Amino acid sequence: MVFAVDSNGVTRLRVIRLGEQEGKKVRVLSGIRESDRVLAEPPPGCVPESRCLGSRPVRW
């Protein structure tokens, strides 16, 4: 599971399906799109349907 961040800055918990590992990277088969922003390192206490202060969303 990953936290995706919507256009309002609210986190949504998404279930993802993983595929093959390529070195340090793992292919994501489903659950997010290229345009989605995900939290690489959610801060402690981050919960779905909230704004996680101090988090840095990255473009997937």
N, C-alpha and C. Protein backbone atom coordinates (compact mmCIF):
# COMPACT_ATOMS: atom_id res chain seq x y z
N MET A 1 0.84 -1.17 0.00
CA MET A 1 0.00 0.00 0.00
C MET A 1 0.89 1.24 0.00
N VAL A 2 0.38 2.29 -0.62
CA VAL A 2 1.08 3.57 -0.64
C VAL A 2 0.08 4.69 -0.36
N PHE A 3 0.60 5.81 0.10
CA PHE A 3 -0.22 7.00 0.24
C PHE A 3 -0.10 7.81 -1.04
N ALA A 4 -1.22 8.06 -1.71
CA ALA A 4 -1.27 8.97 -2.85
C ALA A 4 -1.83 10.29 -2.36
N VAL A 5 -1.41 11.38 -2.96
CA VAL A 5 -1.85 12.71 -2.54
C VAL A 5 -2.71 13.30 -3.65
N ASP A 6 -3.95 13.70 -3.31
CA ASP A 6 -4.84 14.26 -4.33
C ASP A 6 -4.52 15.74 -4.56
N SER A 7 -5.26 16.37 -5.46
CA SER A 7 -5.00 17.77 -5.83
C SER A 7 -5.22 18.75 -4.68
N ASN A 8 -5.94 18.33 -3.64
CA ASN A 8 -6.17 19.17 -2.46
C ASN A 8 -5.15 18.91 -1.35
N GLY A 9 -4.19 18.02 -1.61
CA GLY A 9 -3.18 17.71 -0.61
C GLY A 9 -3.62 16.69 0.41
N VAL A 10 -4.74 16.01 0.15
CA VAL A 10 -5.27 15.00 1.08
C VAL A 10 -4.75 13.63 0.66
N THR A 11 -4.32 12.85 1.65
CA THR A 11 -3.78 11.52 1.36
C THR A 11 -4.89 10.50 1.16
N ARG A 12 -4.64 9.59 0.25
CA ARG A 12 -5.54 8.46 -0.02
C ARG A 12 -4.68 7.20 0.00
N LEU A 13 -5.11 6.21 0.73
CA LEU A 13 -4.38 4.96 0.79
C LEU A 13 -4.73 4.12 -0.44
N ARG A 14 -3.73 3.69 -1.18
CA ARG A 14 -3.95 2.91 -2.39
C ARG A 14 -3.28 1.54 -2.28
N VAL A 15 -3.98 0.52 -2.70
CA VAL A 15 -3.41 -0.82 -2.78
C VAL A 15 -2.73 -0.95 -4.13
N ILE A 16 -1.47 -1.36 -4.13
CA ILE A 16 -0.75 -1.53 -5.38
C ILE A 16 -0.35 -2.99 -5.57
N ARG A 17 -0.17 -3.38 -6.81
CA ARG A 17 0.28 -4.73 -7.13
C ARG A 17 1.69 -4.62 -7.72
N LEU A 18 2.63 -5.34 -7.13
CA LEU A 18 4.03 -5.26 -7.54
C LEU A 18 4.39 -6.39 -8.49
N GLY A 19 5.33 -6.09 -9.37
CA GLY A 19 5.82 -7.07 -10.34
C GLY A 19 7.28 -7.38 -10.08
N GLU A 20 8.04 -7.47 -11.16
CA GLU A 20 9.45 -7.85 -11.08
C GLU A 20 10.31 -6.77 -10.42
N GLN A 21 11.34 -7.25 -9.73
CA GLN A 21 12.31 -6.34 -9.14
C GLN A 21 13.45 -6.18 -10.12
N GLU A 22 13.89 -4.93 -10.32
CA GLU A 22 14.99 -4.62 -11.23
C GLU A 22 16.03 -3.84 -10.44
N GLY A 23 16.99 -4.52 -9.88
CA GLY A 23 17.97 -3.87 -9.02
C GLY A 23 17.30 -3.38 -7.75
N LYS A 24 17.36 -2.06 -7.50
CA LYS A 24 16.72 -1.48 -6.32
C LYS A 24 15.31 -1.02 -6.61
N LYS A 25 14.84 -1.20 -7.83
CA LYS A 25 13.50 -0.76 -8.22
C LYS A 25 12.57 -1.96 -8.36
N VAL A 26 11.29 -1.72 -8.11
CA VAL A 26 10.26 -2.74 -8.27
C VAL A 26 9.18 -2.18 -9.20
N ARG A 27 8.81 -2.95 -10.17
CA ARG A 27 7.78 -2.52 -11.13
C ARG A 27 6.41 -2.56 -10.46
N VAL A 28 5.64 -1.47 -10.60
CA VAL A 28 4.27 -1.40 -10.07
C VAL A 28 3.34 -1.75 -11.22
N LEU A 29 2.55 -2.81 -11.05
CA LEU A 29 1.66 -3.28 -12.11
C LEU A 29 0.31 -2.59 -12.09
N SER A 30 -0.19 -2.26 -10.91
CA SER A 30 -1.49 -1.60 -10.82
C SER A 30 -1.63 -0.88 -9.49
N GLY A 31 -2.60 0.03 -9.44
CA GLY A 31 -2.93 0.74 -8.21
C GLY A 31 -2.61 2.22 -8.25
N ILE A 32 -1.65 2.62 -9.08
CA ILE A 32 -1.34 4.03 -9.26
C ILE A 32 -1.02 4.28 -10.73
N ARG A 33 -1.12 5.55 -11.12
CA ARG A 33 -0.82 5.96 -12.49
C ARG A 33 0.45 6.80 -12.50
N GLU A 34 1.00 7.00 -13.68
CA GLU A 34 2.22 7.81 -13.80
C GLU A 34 2.02 9.22 -13.27
N SER A 35 0.83 9.77 -13.42
CA SER A 35 0.57 11.14 -13.00
C SER A 35 0.31 11.28 -11.50
N ASP A 36 0.16 10.18 -10.78
CA ASP A 36 -0.12 10.23 -9.34
C ASP A 36 1.10 10.72 -8.56
N ARG A 37 0.82 11.41 -7.47
CA ARG A 37 1.87 11.80 -6.52
C ARG A 37 1.74 10.87 -5.33
N VAL A 38 2.86 10.30 -4.90
CA VAL A 38 2.86 9.40 -3.75
C VAL A 38 3.83 9.93 -2.71
N LEU A 39 3.62 9.53 -1.46
CA LEU A 39 4.53 9.92 -0.39
C LEU A 39 5.66 8.90 -0.33
N ALA A 40 6.86 9.36 -0.62
CA ALA A 40 8.02 8.47 -0.58
C ALA A 40 8.32 8.03 0.85
N GLU A 41 8.17 8.95 1.79
CA GLU A 41 8.43 8.67 3.20
C GLU A 41 7.36 9.36 4.05
N PRO A 42 6.21 8.70 4.25
CA PRO A 42 5.15 9.33 5.07
C PRO A 42 5.66 9.60 6.48
N PRO A 43 5.34 10.76 7.04
CA PRO A 43 5.78 11.06 8.40
C PRO A 43 5.02 10.21 9.42
N PRO A 44 5.58 10.04 10.60
CA PRO A 44 4.87 9.29 11.64
C PRO A 44 3.50 9.92 11.90
N GLY A 45 2.49 9.09 12.07
CA GLY A 45 1.15 9.57 12.36
C GLY A 45 0.33 9.92 11.13
N CYS A 46 0.90 9.76 9.94
CA CYS A 46 0.17 10.05 8.71
C CYS A 46 -0.95 9.01 8.55
N VAL A 47 -2.17 9.50 8.34
CA VAL A 47 -3.32 8.60 8.19
C VAL A 47 -4.08 8.97 6.92
N PRO A 48 -4.80 8.01 6.33
CA PRO A 48 -5.59 8.30 5.12
C PRO A 48 -6.63 9.39 5.39
N GLU A 49 -6.99 10.10 4.34
CA GLU A 49 -8.01 11.16 4.38
C GLU A 49 -7.57 12.35 5.23
N SER A 50 -6.26 12.60 5.33
CA SER A 50 -5.76 13.75 6.08
C SER A 50 -4.65 14.42 5.27
N ARG A 51 -4.17 15.54 5.77
CA ARG A 51 -3.01 16.21 5.18
C ARG A 51 -1.82 15.88 6.07
N CYS A 52 -0.84 15.26 5.50
CA CYS A 52 0.33 14.84 6.27
C CYS A 52 1.39 15.94 6.19
N LEU A 53 1.45 16.74 7.23
CA LEU A 53 2.39 17.84 7.26
C LEU A 53 3.82 17.32 7.30
N GLY A 54 4.69 17.99 6.59
CA GLY A 54 6.09 17.59 6.58
C GLY A 54 6.38 16.49 5.58
N SER A 55 5.38 16.06 4.84
CA SER A 55 5.61 15.01 3.85
C SER A 55 5.97 15.63 2.52
N ARG A 56 6.68 14.88 1.70
CA ARG A 56 7.12 15.38 0.42
C ARG A 56 6.60 14.46 -0.67
N PRO A 57 5.47 14.86 -1.34
CA PRO A 57 4.96 14.01 -2.39
C PRO A 57 5.89 14.03 -3.60
N VAL A 58 6.04 12.91 -4.24
CA VAL A 58 6.86 12.81 -5.44
C VAL A 58 5.98 12.34 -6.60
N ARG A 59 6.28 12.83 -7.78
CA ARG A 59 5.55 12.41 -8.97
C ARG A 59 5.96 10.99 -9.28
N TRP A 60 4.98 10.10 -9.47
CA TRP A 60 5.27 8.71 -9.74
C TRP A 60 5.61 8.60 -11.15
